[in-house]
């Protein structure tokens, strides 16, 4: 046990010297890995590298009809890749975007979304969004529900999403597009 604690302390010190930018719980790092209830699978990294603001969902009130989630995703570090999302209110989620093909705007499923370094990417009407399928009990406007965003490096970001009516359009959403915006390192996103 003592060598495990020493190894964990050395790893944390090495990361601090190298400028590592993630959080690590010392109690988890120094705990006995054989202790009952400990997770023995791959570690899930919680990070302050990604921050989500303005998370809302356009909810179709009819059961089992598709709905969509929108938000601003700030990346305070190196470029990354959003690979998925999960929520307990939907049977399935998918990452989507809109693209112009033969003069017609179409919604398309995408496997991953590149998140540029030191930028804020807007998930908005007419652009990137998370689709929700199989909502047996759609949340009412004003209700809050959880969403977990998953990144290629194992990072997970938990988000609280506010449900809105199917006709809701946020104030200032006059461009209907998406894109990366310059953001400072304090998490301020577009229009802030």
Protein backbone atom coordinates (compact mmCIF):
# COMPACT_ATOMS: atom_id res chain seq x y z
CA UNK A 1 0.00 0.00 0.00
CA UNK A 2 2.81 2.41 0.85
CA UNK A 3 4.43 1.98 -2.60
CA UNK A 4 1.05 2.67 -4.25
CA UNK A 5 0.70 5.91 -2.25
CA UNK A 6 4.27 6.91 -3.14
CA UNK A 7 3.67 6.16 -6.83
CA UNK A 8 0.45 8.16 -6.82
CA UNK A 9 2.14 11.11 -5.10
CA UNK A 10 5.03 11.02 -7.60
CA UNK A 11 2.59 10.89 -10.53
CA UNK A 12 0.69 13.92 -9.21
CA UNK A 13 3.95 15.82 -8.60
CA UNK A 14 5.19 14.97 -12.10
CA UNK A 15 1.97 16.19 -13.67
CA UNK A 16 2.15 19.41 -11.67
CA UNK A 17 5.71 20.00 -12.93
CA UNK A 18 4.65 19.30 -16.51
CA UNK A 19 1.72 21.69 -16.25
CA UNK A 20 -0.98 19.00 -16.45
CA UNK A 21 -4.44 20.56 -16.56
CA UNK A 22 -6.88 18.14 -15.02
CA UNK A 23 -8.20 17.53 -11.56
CA UNK A 24 -7.44 14.41 -9.57
CA UNK A 25 -9.01 13.44 -6.30
CA UNK A 26 -6.21 12.59 -3.84
CA UNK A 27 -8.56 10.42 -1.80
CA UNK A 28 -9.24 8.32 -4.91
CA UNK A 29 -5.57 8.23 -5.88
CA UNK A 30 -4.45 7.10 -2.42
CA UNK A 31 -7.29 4.68 -1.74
CA UNK A 32 -6.70 0.95 -1.62
CA UNK A 33 -7.47 -0.25 -5.18
CA UNK A 34 -8.87 -3.49 -3.76
CA UNK A 35 -11.29 -1.75 -1.41
CA UNK A 36 -14.86 -2.95 -1.78
CA UNK A 37 -16.91 -0.72 -4.08
CA UNK A 38 -13.91 0.70 -5.94
CA UNK A 39 -14.29 0.96 -9.73
CA UNK A 40 -11.68 -1.24 -11.44
CA UNK A 41 -12.36 -0.24 -15.07
CA UNK A 42 -10.79 2.62 -17.04
CA UNK A 43 -10.70 5.87 -15.11
CA UNK A 44 -13.25 8.51 -16.05
CA UNK A 45 -11.53 11.90 -16.21
CA UNK A 46 -13.46 14.93 -14.97
CA UNK A 47 -11.94 18.05 -16.46
CA UNK A 48 -12.21 21.80 -16.23
CA UNK A 49 -10.86 21.94 -19.80
CA UNK A 50 -14.38 21.92 -21.26
CA UNK A 51 -17.20 24.09 -19.93
CA UNK A 52 -20.83 24.18 -21.05
CA UNK A 53 -23.09 27.21 -20.81
CA UNK A 54 -26.63 28.03 -21.89
CA UNK A 55 -27.78 24.39 -22.21
CA UNK A 56 -31.39 24.11 -23.31
CA UNK A 57 -33.56 21.62 -25.18
CA UNK A 58 -36.35 22.06 -27.66
CA UNK A 59 -38.72 19.34 -26.46
CA UNK A 60 -41.44 17.83 -28.59
CA UNK A 61 -44.35 17.25 -26.17
CA UNK A 62 -45.56 14.13 -28.03
CA UNK A 63 -44.09 10.92 -26.57
CA UNK A 64 -41.35 9.20 -28.61
CA UNK A 65 -40.88 12.14 -30.99
CA UNK A 66 -37.35 13.53 -31.57
CA UNK A 67 -36.12 16.53 -29.59
CA UNK A 68 -32.81 18.44 -29.61
CA UNK A 69 -30.32 19.96 -27.15
CA UNK A 70 -28.30 23.14 -27.76
CA UNK A 71 -25.49 24.79 -25.75
CA UNK A 72 -22.19 26.66 -25.91
CA UNK A 73 -19.12 24.42 -25.44
CA UNK A 74 -15.95 26.25 -24.36
CA UNK A 75 -12.59 24.52 -24.71
CA UNK A 76 -9.92 26.05 -22.44
CA UNK A 77 -7.13 23.71 -23.60
CA UNK A 78 -5.82 21.85 -26.62
CA UNK A 79 -8.17 20.79 -29.41
CA UNK A 80 -10.52 17.95 -28.56
CA UNK A 81 -13.25 15.80 -30.03
CA UNK A 82 -16.82 15.35 -28.76
CA UNK A 83 -17.78 11.74 -29.45
CA UNK A 84 -21.13 11.27 -27.76
CA UNK A 85 -23.76 12.21 -25.23
CA UNK A 86 -26.09 10.36 -22.89
CA UNK A 87 -29.14 11.28 -20.83
CA UNK A 88 -31.51 9.13 -18.79
CA UNK A 89 -34.58 10.76 -20.39
CA UNK A 90 -33.87 9.36 -23.90
CA UNK A 91 -33.45 5.84 -25.24
CA UNK A 92 -30.84 7.10 -27.74
CA UNK A 93 -28.82 10.24 -28.46
CA UNK A 94 -26.93 11.27 -31.61
CA UNK A 95 -24.64 14.14 -32.57
CA UNK A 96 -26.07 16.06 -35.54
CA UNK A 97 -25.30 18.96 -37.84
CA UNK A 98 -26.99 20.64 -40.79
CA UNK A 99 -25.41 20.69 -44.23
CA UNK A 100 -26.41 22.14 -47.58
CA UNK A 101 -26.73 19.53 -50.31
CA UNK A 102 -28.15 20.23 -53.78
CA UNK A 103 -29.59 23.51 -52.54
CA UNK A 104 -31.44 21.83 -49.66
CA UNK A 105 -30.50 22.10 -45.97
CA UNK A 106 -30.44 18.63 -44.42
CA UNK A 107 -29.85 17.36 -40.91
CA UNK A 108 -27.10 14.70 -40.78
CA UNK A 109 -25.78 12.41 -38.06
CA UNK A 110 -22.07 12.79 -37.34
CA UNK A 111 -19.76 10.50 -35.37
CA UNK A 112 -17.68 13.22 -33.70
CA UNK A 113 -17.29 17.00 -33.53
CA UNK A 114 -13.86 18.65 -33.47
CA UNK A 115 -13.61 21.23 -30.69
CA UNK A 116 -10.90 23.81 -31.55
CA UNK A 117 -8.35 24.81 -28.90
CA UNK A 118 -9.16 27.92 -26.87
CA UNK A 119 -12.49 28.43 -28.67
CA UNK A 120 -16.19 28.24 -27.88
CA UNK A 121 -18.27 26.14 -30.23
CA UNK A 122 -21.95 27.03 -30.47
CA UNK A 123 -24.52 24.23 -30.70
CA UNK A 124 -27.48 26.16 -32.12
CA UNK A 125 -30.56 26.01 -34.31
CA UNK A 126 -29.43 25.25 -37.87
CA UNK A 127 -26.07 23.89 -36.69
CA UNK A 128 -24.58 21.37 -34.30
CA UNK A 129 -26.95 19.80 -31.76
CA UNK A 130 -27.59 16.62 -29.76
CA UNK A 131 -30.68 14.73 -30.94
CA UNK A 132 -32.82 12.86 -28.42
CA UNK A 133 -34.84 9.81 -29.47
CA UNK A 134 -37.32 7.72 -27.51
CA UNK A 135 -38.54 10.18 -24.89
CA UNK A 136 -41.43 8.28 -23.37
CA UNK A 137 -42.16 11.06 -20.85
CA UNK A 138 -40.90 14.32 -22.40
CA UNK A 139 -39.98 16.90 -19.75
CA UNK A 140 -42.24 19.93 -19.45
CA UNK A 141 -40.93 23.43 -20.24
CA UNK A 142 -38.83 24.68 -17.34
CA UNK A 143 -37.86 21.19 -16.15
CA UNK A 144 -34.14 20.47 -15.77
CA UNK A 145 -32.56 17.15 -16.76
CA UNK A 146 -28.99 15.77 -16.89
CA UNK A 147 -26.81 15.32 -19.97
CA UNK A 148 -23.35 13.79 -20.03
CA UNK A 149 -20.97 14.79 -22.85
CA UNK A 150 -18.22 12.31 -23.75
CA UNK A 151 -14.90 13.19 -25.39
CA UNK A 152 -12.35 11.09 -27.29
CA UNK A 153 -9.74 11.41 -24.50
CA UNK A 154 -12.10 9.92 -21.90
CA UNK A 155 -13.16 13.26 -20.45
CA UNK A 156 -16.79 13.46 -19.32
CA UNK A 157 -18.71 16.69 -18.69
CA UNK A 158 -22.02 16.56 -16.84
CA UNK A 159 -24.50 19.28 -17.80
CA UNK A 160 -27.91 20.42 -16.55
CA UNK A 161 -30.27 21.15 -19.46
CA UNK A 162 -33.42 23.27 -19.24
CA UNK A 163 -36.38 22.00 -21.26
CA UNK A 164 -38.14 24.53 -23.49
CA UNK A 165 -41.25 24.42 -25.66
CA UNK A 166 -40.90 23.07 -29.21
CA UNK A 167 -41.39 26.62 -30.59
CA UNK A 168 -38.76 28.26 -28.34
CA UNK A 169 -36.09 30.40 -30.04
CA UNK A 170 -33.46 31.92 -27.74
CA UNK A 171 -32.98 35.67 -27.80
CA UNK A 172 -30.15 36.68 -30.13
CA UNK A 173 -30.33 33.49 -32.22
CA UNK A 174 -30.73 35.41 -35.47
CA UNK A 175 -27.97 33.65 -37.41
CA UNK A 176 -29.23 30.09 -36.99
CA UNK A 177 -25.77 28.73 -37.74
CA UNK A 178 -22.85 27.31 -35.86
CA UNK A 179 -19.19 27.85 -35.57
CA UNK A 180 -16.21 28.40 -33.37
CA UNK A 181 -15.95 31.74 -31.63
CA UNK A 182 -13.01 33.37 -29.94
CA UNK A 183 -13.37 32.92 -26.22
CA UNK A 184 -11.19 33.99 -23.38
CA UNK A 185 -9.96 31.48 -20.87
CA UNK A 186 -12.57 32.39 -18.26
CA UNK A 187 -15.36 30.60 -20.11
CA UNK A 188 -17.08 33.63 -21.63
CA UNK A 189 -18.81 32.53 -24.78
CA UNK A 190 -20.40 34.33 -27.67
CA UNK A 191 -22.45 37.35 -26.76
CA UNK A 192 -21.24 37.36 -23.16
